[in-house]
Amino acid sequence: MAPGTDNQDGTQVEKSTPDLPTEELDFDDPFKWPTHRKWFITVLMALCTLTTTFCSSIWSSTIVVTSQEFDTSETVMVLGVSLFVLGFALGPLLWGPLSELVGRKIPLFGGYLVFALLQIPIALTHSLAGVLTCRLLAGCFGAAPIGLVSAALADFWDPVNRGTATALYSVAAYAGPTLGPVVGSFVTESHLGWRWTAWLVLILAGAVGIPAFIFVPETYGPVLRRRAADKRGLCTDETPKLFDGFVRKYLSKPMLMLLHEPMLDVMTVYIAVVYAIMYLTFFAYPYAFSERGWSREIGSLSFLSLLVGILTSCAAVAFYSTKYYQPRLEARGKPLPEDRLPPVMLGSIVLPIGLFWFGWTSSPSISWVPQMISGFFIGSGIMLVFTNGIAFLVDIYLQSAASAMAANTFIRSVAAAGLPLAAPSMYRDLGTAWATSLLGFVCVALIPAPFLFYKYGESLRKKSRFAPYK
């Protein structure tokens, strides 16, 4: 892009590198990295995501114990989960746009480091306000990988492999919350006590974060090109005016996209619903199985059925990308975002089936086996909608994907923070069957969305201010 030209969102682009061929800049193109290196980087970033999402839910296993220690209600202690997830909503509004200004690595690992260090006061403080404040801040800083990894995958993966890589990221995004209550229950009920849930997160963050920081390079093409041009003295006005340019062009971009992009809005709402349902299960599952007389530790094992569904859908998405998406891409010669939607269509049907199944097999008079099996369909449906919904948005917005993901993460995290707060009264007043069915009816109402986008998505992309339609 020539210096001083307008971007797709109508904003003025700061002067950039002259229009020189990439090879003249000696530019290390991430798309040309060896495949094994790309997968190594993808796995490391996914593990960072798993660590922060694991931390988000591990607190749910401490609610009973901490409510007794701090002499407050369990509803108040649910804030330990909700405030953390609220941090997931606030953090990406900074991390996503900032990554489009300075690159992915600085905000990704800067936020991750502070997230890890905040586990220390959580483990040591005896103040309820201190614990909850640190949980909120940990969510804000831990949101860096949540908001950036999916966008970073578009920096170095081609459209076919990006689908599989996004599935791996999605496994981390959902396996972490699923494993948190399982591991946390056994730690909390052991001689270690609930404070070791924070120490465990700190150890995991260090074990993952140190090698990730060492081996994950900068991946964002525009920043790499600017650095290459700087080395050759080709940039006359490369350094953006940080405050004015960042606020005007970058920080406001996620909100502008929400205002002007109907596909982003609807898909974000859909992803927010399935994301919130995942976090609501942290109350619903222990509550439903406690009615069967199960202990908290044994009841937490029910989350493994969700995990099996998540992993199965991940494999299905990888198979779909290879056997269906790739041939269509090769035949057409260019990616079509709507080709990401068939798995979302399938997930839109599977998820409400799982929810109704779970709700209406919850009676203690019915064997626990059917209710446990329902988790497979809930996990599968959530995974199918989330994984390919994210890939669909990334395919549409490409270099604006970080801002799109910031907007998406904000909305879905607000939903995931708020819905669990309503879960205790909802399940106690309506009962497991009708409370879960209510969620199922919401999912049924959203079934048409991926089908409509599959049919009309191309015409909507033509009208987009941010999507590079060709």
Protein backbone atom coordinates (compact mmCIF):
# COMPACT_ATOMS: atom_id res chain seq x y z
CA MET A 1 0.00 0.00 0.00
CA ALA A 2 1.41 3.36 -0.93
CA PRO A 3 2.13 5.93 1.78
CA GLY A 4 -0.76 8.11 2.83
CA THR A 5 -3.52 6.04 1.20
CA ASP A 6 -6.88 5.25 2.75
CA ASN A 7 -7.48 1.95 4.46
CA GLN A 8 -10.60 -0.18 3.93
CA ASP A 9 -12.22 1.32 7.00
CA GLY A 10 -11.82 4.82 5.61
CA THR A 11 -9.08 5.84 8.03
CA GLN A 12 -5.82 7.36 6.89
CA VAL A 13 -2.89 4.97 6.87
CA GLU A 14 0.33 6.32 8.27
CA LYS A 15 3.23 6.48 5.87
CA SER A 16 4.60 3.03 5.37
CA THR A 17 7.25 1.27 3.40
CA PRO A 18 7.64 2.24 -0.22
CA ASP A 19 6.05 -0.16 -2.68
CA LEU A 20 9.05 -2.44 -3.00
CA PRO A 21 8.92 -6.16 -3.63
CA THR A 22 9.06 -8.24 -0.50
CA GLU A 23 12.35 -9.88 -1.51
CA GLU A 24 14.06 -6.47 -1.84
CA LEU A 25 13.30 -5.85 1.83
CA ASP A 26 14.86 -9.18 2.83
CA PHE A 27 11.54 -9.88 4.53
CA ASP A 28 11.23 -13.14 6.48
CA ASP A 29 7.77 -14.07 5.20
CA PRO A 30 5.98 -16.17 7.89
CA PHE A 31 4.05 -18.01 5.17
CA LYS A 32 7.36 -19.44 3.94
CA TRP A 33 8.40 -20.88 7.29
CA PRO A 34 8.80 -24.69 7.40
CA THR A 35 5.60 -26.50 8.28
CA HIS A 36 7.11 -28.13 11.38
CA ARG A 37 8.09 -24.70 12.69
CA LYS A 38 4.57 -23.37 12.12
CA TRP A 39 3.07 -26.27 14.06
CA PHE A 40 5.56 -25.84 16.88
CA ILE A 41 4.63 -22.16 17.16
CA THR A 42 0.91 -22.99 16.94
CA VAL A 43 1.16 -25.56 19.74
CA LEU A 44 3.06 -23.18 22.02
CA MET A 45 0.53 -20.39 21.51
CA ALA A 46 -2.34 -22.83 22.03
CA LEU A 47 -0.78 -23.94 25.32
CA CYS A 48 -0.63 -20.30 26.45
CA THR A 49 -4.33 -20.07 25.68
CA LEU A 50 -5.01 -23.31 27.57
CA THR A 51 -3.22 -21.94 30.64
CA THR A 52 -5.33 -18.80 30.85
CA THR A 53 -8.61 -20.58 30.18
CA PHE A 54 -7.67 -23.26 32.71
CA CYS A 55 -7.19 -20.49 35.25
CA SER A 56 -10.57 -19.00 34.39
CA SER A 57 -12.48 -22.09 35.54
CA ILE A 58 -10.28 -23.61 38.23
CA TRP A 59 -11.76 -21.11 40.70
CA SER A 60 -15.16 -22.79 40.35
CA SER A 61 -13.81 -25.73 42.34
CA THR A 62 -13.00 -23.45 45.30
CA ILE A 63 -16.38 -21.73 45.67
CA VAL A 64 -17.70 -23.79 48.60
CA VAL A 65 -14.43 -23.67 50.55
CA THR A 66 -13.72 -19.98 49.93
CA SER A 67 -17.27 -18.93 50.78
CA GLN A 68 -16.72 -20.52 54.19
CA GLU A 69 -13.27 -19.02 54.66
CA PHE A 70 -14.35 -15.50 53.69
CA ASP A 71 -17.74 -15.89 55.42
CA THR A 72 -19.84 -14.96 52.40
CA SER A 73 -22.33 -16.59 50.05
CA GLU A 74 -21.46 -18.93 47.21
CA THR A 75 -23.06 -16.44 44.80
CA VAL A 76 -20.47 -13.85 45.81
CA MET A 77 -17.66 -16.34 45.31
CA VAL A 78 -18.93 -17.10 41.78
CA LEU A 79 -17.59 -13.60 41.07
CA GLY A 80 -14.14 -15.19 41.11
CA VAL A 81 -15.07 -16.82 37.80
CA SER A 82 -17.23 -14.03 36.42
CA LEU A 83 -14.73 -11.23 37.09
CA PHE A 84 -11.94 -13.24 35.50
CA VAL A 85 -14.03 -13.80 32.38
CA LEU A 86 -15.03 -10.13 32.44
CA GLY A 87 -11.30 -9.44 32.19
CA PHE A 88 -11.36 -11.55 29.02
CA ALA A 89 -13.87 -8.99 27.70
CA LEU A 90 -11.87 -5.89 28.59
CA GLY A 91 -8.32 -7.01 27.79
CA PRO A 92 -8.68 -7.71 24.05
CA LEU A 93 -9.98 -4.19 23.43
CA LEU A 94 -6.37 -3.16 24.10
CA TRP A 95 -4.37 -6.24 23.09
CA GLY A 96 -6.03 -6.79 19.70
CA PRO A 97 -5.65 -3.27 18.29
CA LEU A 98 -2.22 -2.89 19.91
CA SER A 99 -1.04 -6.01 18.07
CA GLU A 100 -1.93 -4.36 14.75
CA LEU A 101 0.29 -1.44 15.73
CA VAL A 102 3.38 -3.04 17.31
CA GLY A 103 2.97 -6.70 16.34
CA ARG A 104 1.74 -9.80 18.11
CA LYS A 105 4.64 -10.78 20.37
CA ILE A 106 4.91 -7.76 22.69
CA PRO A 107 1.25 -7.62 23.76
CA LEU A 108 0.91 -11.43 23.77
CA PHE A 109 3.75 -12.12 26.17
CA GLY A 110 3.58 -8.85 28.07
CA GLY A 111 0.00 -9.60 29.07
CA TYR A 112 0.82 -13.26 29.73
CA LEU A 113 3.67 -12.35 32.10
CA VAL A 114 1.51 -10.06 34.24
CA PHE A 115 -1.24 -12.69 34.27
CA ALA A 116 1.22 -15.23 35.66
CA LEU A 117 2.59 -12.88 38.34
CA LEU A 118 -0.91 -12.03 39.56
CA GLN A 119 -1.30 -15.63 40.74
CA ILE A 120 1.08 -14.82 43.61
CA PRO A 121 -1.19 -12.32 45.43
CA ILE A 122 -4.21 -14.55 44.74
CA ALA A 123 -2.43 -17.37 46.56
CA LEU A 124 -1.22 -15.21 49.45
CA THR A 125 -3.87 -12.59 50.21
CA HIS A 126 -6.43 -13.02 52.99
CA SER A 127 -8.67 -10.24 51.66
CA LEU A 128 -11.74 -11.14 49.64
CA ALA A 129 -11.57 -7.81 47.80
CA GLY A 130 -7.91 -8.47 47.04
CA VAL A 131 -8.62 -11.93 45.63
CA LEU A 132 -11.46 -10.73 43.43
CA THR A 133 -9.51 -7.69 42.21
CA CYS A 134 -6.54 -9.84 41.26
CA ARG A 135 -8.82 -12.31 39.48
CA LEU A 136 -10.26 -9.45 37.41
CA LEU A 137 -6.79 -8.11 36.55
CA ALA A 138 -5.52 -11.61 35.78
CA GLY A 139 -8.38 -12.00 33.31
CA CYS A 140 -7.55 -8.67 31.65
CA PHE A 141 -3.90 -9.58 31.14
CA GLY A 142 -4.57 -13.26 30.50
CA ALA A 143 -6.86 -12.21 27.67
CA ALA A 144 -3.80 -11.48 25.52
CA PRO A 145 -3.52 -15.01 24.08
CA ILE A 146 -7.33 -15.34 23.98
CA GLY A 147 -7.62 -12.34 21.69
CA LEU A 148 -4.41 -12.67 19.69
CA VAL A 149 -3.67 -16.31 18.93
CA SER A 150 -6.55 -16.85 16.51
CA ALA A 151 -5.57 -13.67 14.65
CA ALA A 152 -1.88 -14.63 14.67
CA LEU A 153 -2.70 -17.93 12.97
CA ALA A 154 -3.76 -15.93 9.91
CA ASP A 155 -0.25 -14.42 9.83
CA PHE A 156 1.47 -17.62 8.74
CA TRP A 157 -1.05 -20.37 7.85
CA ASP A 158 -2.67 -20.79 4.46
CA PRO A 159 -6.49 -21.06 4.49
CA VAL A 160 -6.58 -24.88 4.46
CA ASN A 161 -4.18 -25.47 7.34
CA ARG A 162 -5.54 -22.47 9.21
CA GLY A 163 -8.77 -24.40 9.75
CA THR A 164 -6.89 -27.22 11.49
CA ALA A 165 -4.73 -24.75 13.43
CA THR A 166 -7.83 -22.86 14.56
CA ALA A 167 -9.33 -26.16 15.70
CA LEU A 168 -6.25 -26.73 17.86
CA TYR A 169 -6.60 -23.22 19.30
CA SER A 170 -10.28 -23.89 19.99
CA VAL A 171 -9.44 -27.11 21.82
CA ALA A 172 -7.17 -25.07 24.08
CA ALA A 173 -9.85 -22.41 24.53
CA TYR A 174 -12.38 -25.04 25.66
CA ALA A 175 -10.24 -27.85 27.09
CA GLY A 176 -8.75 -25.41 29.60
CA PRO A 177 -12.11 -24.46 31.16
CA THR A 178 -13.19 -28.10 31.06
CA LEU A 179 -10.11 -29.37 32.89
CA GLY A 180 -10.03 -26.54 35.43
CA PRO A 181 -12.89 -27.83 37.64
CA VAL A 182 -11.62 -31.43 37.42
CA VAL A 183 -8.06 -30.65 38.53
CA GLY A 184 -9.18 -27.91 40.92
CA SER A 185 -11.62 -30.15 42.79
CA PHE A 186 -8.94 -32.69 43.65
CA VAL A 187 -6.42 -29.98 44.62
CA THR A 188 -8.93 -28.06 46.76
CA GLU A 189 -10.13 -31.16 48.60
CA SER A 190 -6.57 -32.39 49.21
CA HIS A 191 -4.21 -31.31 52.00
CA LEU A 192 -2.88 -28.59 49.66
CA GLY A 193 -6.05 -26.48 49.87
CA TRP A 194 -7.61 -23.97 47.48
CA ARG A 195 -4.64 -21.57 47.43
CA TRP A 196 -2.64 -24.15 45.55
CA THR A 197 -4.96 -23.72 42.59
CA ALA A 198 -3.21 -20.36 42.06
CA TRP A 199 0.26 -21.81 42.62
CA LEU A 200 -0.56 -24.55 40.12
CA VAL A 201 -1.54 -21.95 37.50
CA LEU A 202 1.70 -20.05 38.14
CA ILE A 203 3.77 -23.22 37.66
CA LEU A 204 1.89 -24.09 34.48
CA ALA A 205 2.25 -20.52 33.15
CA GLY A 206 6.00 -20.64 33.66
CA ALA A 207 6.38 -24.10 32.15
CA VAL A 208 4.51 -22.99 29.04
CA GLY A 209 5.33 -19.30 28.82
CA ILE A 210 9.14 -19.46 29.02
CA PRO A 211 9.65 -21.75 26.00
CA ALA A 212 6.86 -19.95 24.14
CA PHE A 213 8.56 -16.57 24.63
CA ILE A 214 11.86 -18.03 23.42
CA PHE A 215 10.59 -19.83 20.33
CA VAL A 216 7.54 -17.83 19.16
CA PRO A 217 8.74 -14.98 16.90
CA GLU A 218 6.91 -11.95 15.64
CA THR A 219 4.37 -13.09 13.02
CA TYR A 220 2.53 -9.95 11.89
CA GLY A 221 3.50 -9.18 8.28
CA PRO A 222 3.10 -5.38 8.25
CA VAL A 223 5.32 -5.02 11.33
CA LEU A 224 7.94 -7.38 9.89
CA ARG A 225 7.96 -5.43 6.63
CA ARG A 226 8.30 -2.16 8.49
CA ARG A 227 11.23 -3.53 10.46
CA ALA A 228 12.90 -4.74 7.27
CA ALA A 229 12.43 -1.31 5.70
CA ASP A 230 13.79 0.40 8.81
CA LYS A 231 16.98 -1.64 8.54
CA ARG A 232 17.48 -0.39 4.99
CA GLY A 233 16.58 3.20 5.82
CA LEU A 234 13.60 3.17 3.47
CA CYS A 235 11.04 4.61 5.88
CA THR A 236 10.73 8.35 6.08
CA ASP A 237 7.88 8.49 8.58
CA GLU A 238 7.47 4.99 9.92
CA THR A 239 6.87 5.51 13.61
CA PRO A 240 3.15 6.03 14.17
CA LYS A 241 2.06 8.85 16.43
CA LEU A 242 1.46 6.49 19.26
CA PHE A 243 -1.30 8.09 21.29
CA ASP A 244 -3.32 9.91 18.64
CA GLY A 245 -2.82 7.28 15.95
CA PHE A 246 -3.43 4.37 18.27
CA VAL A 247 -6.66 5.75 19.72
CA ARG A 248 -8.02 7.10 16.44
CA LYS A 249 -7.12 4.27 14.14
CA TYR A 250 -6.70 1.19 16.28
CA LEU A 251 -8.40 1.40 19.67
CA SER A 252 -11.73 2.49 18.21
CA LYS A 253 -11.59 -0.08 15.40
CA PRO A 254 -13.27 -3.01 17.24
CA MET A 255 -16.24 -0.82 18.14
CA LEU A 256 -16.47 0.55 14.60
CA MET A 257 -16.50 -2.98 13.26
CA LEU A 258 -19.36 -3.93 15.58
CA LEU A 259 -21.31 -0.91 14.36
CA HIS A 260 -20.82 -1.59 10.65
CA GLU A 261 -20.37 -5.36 10.22
CA PRO A 262 -23.61 -7.40 10.49
CA MET A 263 -21.83 -10.71 9.91
CA LEU A 264 -19.44 -9.94 12.77
CA ASP A 265 -22.38 -8.94 14.98
CA VAL A 266 -24.50 -12.04 14.41
CA MET A 267 -21.64 -14.53 14.52
CA THR A 268 -20.31 -12.83 17.64
CA VAL A 269 -23.69 -13.19 19.34
CA TYR A 270 -23.80 -16.87 18.38
CA ILE A 271 -20.27 -17.53 19.63
CA ALA A 272 -21.07 -15.56 22.80
CA VAL A 273 -24.04 -17.83 23.51
CA VAL A 274 -22.05 -21.06 23.14
CA TYR A 275 -19.13 -19.59 25.11
CA ALA A 276 -21.46 -18.55 27.93
CA ILE A 277 -23.06 -22.00 27.95
CA MET A 278 -19.62 -23.53 28.47
CA TYR A 279 -19.03 -21.36 31.54
CA LEU A 280 -22.54 -21.96 32.82
CA THR A 281 -21.81 -25.70 32.85
CA PHE A 282 -19.33 -25.04 35.66
CA PHE A 283 -22.38 -24.57 37.87
CA ALA A 284 -24.89 -26.74 36.01
CA TYR A 285 -22.84 -29.93 35.97
CA PRO A 286 -21.87 -30.02 39.67
CA TYR A 287 -25.42 -28.98 40.59
CA ALA A 288 -27.09 -31.65 38.45
CA PHE A 289 -24.83 -34.46 39.59
CA SER A 290 -24.94 -33.40 43.24
CA GLU A 291 -28.68 -34.05 43.04
CA ARG A 292 -27.69 -37.64 42.34
CA GLY A 293 -25.69 -37.66 45.57
CA TRP A 294 -22.28 -37.46 43.89
CA SER A 295 -19.38 -35.80 45.71
CA ARG A 296 -17.78 -32.70 44.22
CA GLU A 297 -14.63 -34.55 43.16
CA ILE A 298 -16.49 -37.39 41.47
CA GLY A 299 -19.05 -35.00 39.97
CA SER A 300 -16.27 -32.96 38.38
CA LEU A 301 -15.33 -36.02 36.29
CA SER A 302 -18.54 -35.46 34.33
CA PHE A 303 -16.73 -32.65 32.52
CA LEU A 304 -14.66 -35.27 30.75
CA SER A 305 -17.66 -36.12 28.56
CA LEU A 306 -17.59 -32.53 27.33
CA LEU A 307 -13.87 -32.86 26.67
CA VAL A 308 -14.36 -36.02 24.60
CA GLY A 309 -16.92 -34.17 22.47
CA ILE A 310 -14.53 -31.25 22.04
CA LEU A 311 -11.64 -33.46 20.97
CA THR A 312 -13.83 -35.46 18.59
CA SER A 313 -15.08 -32.30 16.90
CA CYS A 314 -11.51 -31.02 16.62
CA ALA A 315 -10.60 -34.15 14.65
CA ALA A 316 -13.74 -33.74 12.56
CA VAL A 317 -12.83 -30.13 11.71
CA ALA A 318 -9.32 -31.22 10.67
CA PHE A 319 -10.84 -33.94 8.46
CA TYR A 320 -13.30 -31.44 6.96
CA SER A 321 -10.53 -28.95 6.19
CA THR A 322 -8.54 -31.60 4.32
CA LYS A 323 -11.30 -33.48 2.51
CA TYR A 324 -13.84 -30.74 1.76
CA TYR A 325 -12.37 -27.26 2.21
CA GLN A 326 -9.05 -27.89 0.46
CA PRO A 327 -10.54 -29.37 -2.77
CA ARG A 328 -12.96 -26.45 -3.06
CA LEU A 329 -10.13 -23.99 -2.47
CA GLU A 330 -7.97 -25.64 -5.13
CA ALA A 331 -10.84 -25.74 -7.62
CA ARG A 332 -11.68 -22.07 -7.07
CA GLY A 333 -8.14 -20.78 -6.69
CA LYS A 334 -9.01 -18.53 -3.74
CA PRO A 335 -10.56 -19.02 -0.29
CA LEU A 336 -14.26 -18.52 0.26
CA PRO A 337 -15.13 -17.78 3.92
CA GLU A 338 -18.57 -19.38 3.52
CA ASP A 339 -16.87 -22.77 3.05
CA ARG A 340 -16.12 -22.64 6.79
CA LEU A 341 -19.83 -22.73 7.67
CA PRO A 342 -21.03 -26.35 7.12
CA PRO A 343 -19.51 -27.49 10.46
CA VAL A 344 -21.20 -24.51 12.13
CA MET A 345 -24.49 -25.65 10.60
CA LEU A 346 -23.96 -29.13 12.03
CA GLY A 347 -22.99 -27.73 15.42
CA SER A 348 -26.07 -25.49 15.47
CA ILE A 349 -28.21 -28.65 15.44
CA VAL A 350 -26.05 -30.86 17.66
CA LEU A 351 -25.76 -28.33 20.51
CA PRO A 352 -29.49 -27.91 21.32
CA ILE A 353 -29.91 -31.70 21.04
CA GLY A 354 -27.25 -32.10 23.73
CA LEU A 355 -28.81 -29.45 25.95
CA PHE A 356 -32.31 -30.92 25.81
CA TRP A 357 -30.83 -34.38 26.33
CA PHE A 358 -28.90 -33.23 29.42
CA GLY A 359 -31.88 -31.41 30.91
CA TRP A 360 -34.45 -34.18 30.53
CA THR A 361 -32.21 -37.01 31.72
CA SER A 362 -31.24 -35.16 34.90
CA SER A 363 -33.77 -36.81 37.19
CA PRO A 364 -32.12 -39.00 39.86
CA SER A 365 -34.66 -41.68 38.95
CA ILE A 366 -32.97 -42.00 35.53
CA SER A 367 -29.58 -43.66 35.15
CA TRP A 368 -26.61 -41.27 35.12
CA VAL A 369 -25.30 -42.79 31.88
CA PRO A 370 -27.62 -40.95 29.41
CA GLN A 371 -26.96 -37.63 31.12
CA MET A 372 -23.23 -38.24 30.96
CA ILE A 373 -23.45 -39.09 27.25
CA SER A 374 -25.29 -35.82 26.56
CA GLY A 375 -22.09 -33.96 27.43
CA PHE A 376 -20.48 -35.39 24.30
CA PHE A 377 -23.08 -33.61 22.13
CA ILE A 378 -22.86 -30.38 24.13
CA GLY A 379 -19.07 -30.33 23.80
CA SER A 380 -19.23 -31.26 20.11
CA GLY A 381 -21.81 -28.60 19.32
CA ILE A 382 -19.92 -25.88 21.18
CA MET A 383 -16.67 -26.82 19.46
CA LEU A 384 -18.14 -26.95 15.94
CA VAL A 385 -19.81 -23.54 16.27
CA PHE A 386 -16.85 -21.87 17.97
CA THR A 387 -13.99 -23.25 15.87
CA ASN A 388 -15.39 -22.64 12.42
CA GLY A 389 -17.21 -19.49 13.50
CA ILE A 390 -13.84 -18.02 14.49
CA ALA A 391 -12.21 -19.29 11.28
CA PHE A 392 -15.06 -17.76 9.28
CA LEU A 393 -14.48 -14.32 10.84
CA VAL A 394 -10.69 -14.54 10.42
CA ASP A 395 -11.11 -15.49 6.74
CA ILE A 396 -13.36 -12.48 6.21
CA TYR A 397 -11.26 -9.80 7.91
CA LEU A 398 -7.67 -11.11 7.56
CA GLN A 399 -5.33 -8.25 8.60
CA SER A 400 -8.18 -6.68 10.59
CA ALA A 401 -8.78 -10.04 12.26
CA ALA A 402 -7.20 -8.97 15.57
CA SER A 403 -9.71 -6.13 15.89
CA ALA A 404 -12.54 -8.42 14.85
CA MET A 405 -11.42 -10.95 17.47
CA ALA A 406 -11.14 -8.17 20.06
CA ALA A 407 -14.77 -7.22 19.44
CA ASN A 408 -15.82 -10.88 19.41
CA THR A 409 -13.92 -11.68 22.60
CA PHE A 410 -15.38 -8.65 24.38
CA ILE A 411 -18.98 -9.64 23.67
CA ARG A 412 -18.57 -13.36 24.34
CA SER A 413 -16.66 -12.74 27.56
CA VAL A 414 -19.29 -10.34 28.89
CA ALA A 415 -21.89 -13.03 28.21
CA ALA A 416 -19.74 -15.71 29.84
CA ALA A 417 -19.19 -13.47 32.88
CA GLY A 418 -22.87 -12.64 33.34
CA LEU A 419 -24.68 -15.90 32.64
CA PRO A 420 -22.99 -17.94 35.42
CA LEU A 421 -24.13 -15.34 37.95
CA ALA A 422 -27.72 -16.09 36.98
CA ALA A 423 -27.16 -19.86 37.01
CA PRO A 424 -27.73 -20.57 40.73
CA SER A 425 -31.15 -18.93 40.89
CA MET A 426 -32.11 -20.14 37.41
CA TYR A 427 -31.37 -23.78 38.18
CA ARG A 428 -32.86 -23.71 41.67
CA ASP A 429 -36.04 -21.95 40.57
CA LEU A 430 -36.65 -23.72 37.25
CA GLY A 431 -34.95 -27.03 37.92
CA THR A 432 -32.23 -28.62 35.80
CA ALA A 433 -34.61 -29.77 33.05
CA TRP A 434 -36.26 -26.43 32.29
CA ALA A 435 -33.21 -24.27 32.99
CA THR A 436 -31.15 -26.24 30.49
CA SER A 437 -34.06 -26.34 28.05
CA LEU A 438 -34.20 -22.55 28.14
CA LEU A 439 -30.64 -22.51 26.83
CA GLY A 440 -31.63 -25.08 24.22
CA PHE A 441 -34.44 -22.85 22.94
CA VAL A 442 -32.01 -19.93 22.58
CA CYS A 443 -29.71 -22.16 20.50
CA VAL A 444 -32.64 -23.29 18.36
CA ALA A 445 -33.45 -19.64 17.60
CA LEU A 446 -29.88 -19.16 16.33
CA ILE A 447 -29.86 -22.19 14.00
CA PRO A 448 -30.76 -20.14 10.87
CA ALA A 449 -27.71 -17.84 11.20
CA PRO A 450 -25.01 -20.04 9.58
CA PHE A 451 -27.43 -21.21 6.88
CA LEU A 452 -28.29 -17.62 5.94
CA PHE A 453 -24.63 -16.58 5.91
CA TYR A 454 -23.80 -19.54 3.70
CA LYS A 455 -26.32 -18.28 1.16
CA TYR A 456 -25.92 -14.50 1.45
CA GLY A 457 -22.42 -14.11 2.92
CA GLU A 458 -20.72 -13.13 -0.31
CA SER A 459 -23.14 -10.28 -1.01
CA LEU A 460 -22.67 -9.02 2.56
CA ARG A 461 -18.89 -9.10 2.20
CA LYS A 462 -19.11 -6.95 -0.92
CA LYS A 463 -20.67 -4.20 1.22
CA SER A 464 -18.15 -4.51 4.06
CA ARG A 465 -15.89 -1.60 4.99
CA PHE A 466 -13.29 -3.90 6.55
CA ALA A 467 -13.32 -7.15 4.57
CA PRO A 468 -10.82 -7.27 1.67
CA TYR A 469 -13.35 -8.65 -0.83
CA LYS A 470 -12.04 -9.71 -4.22
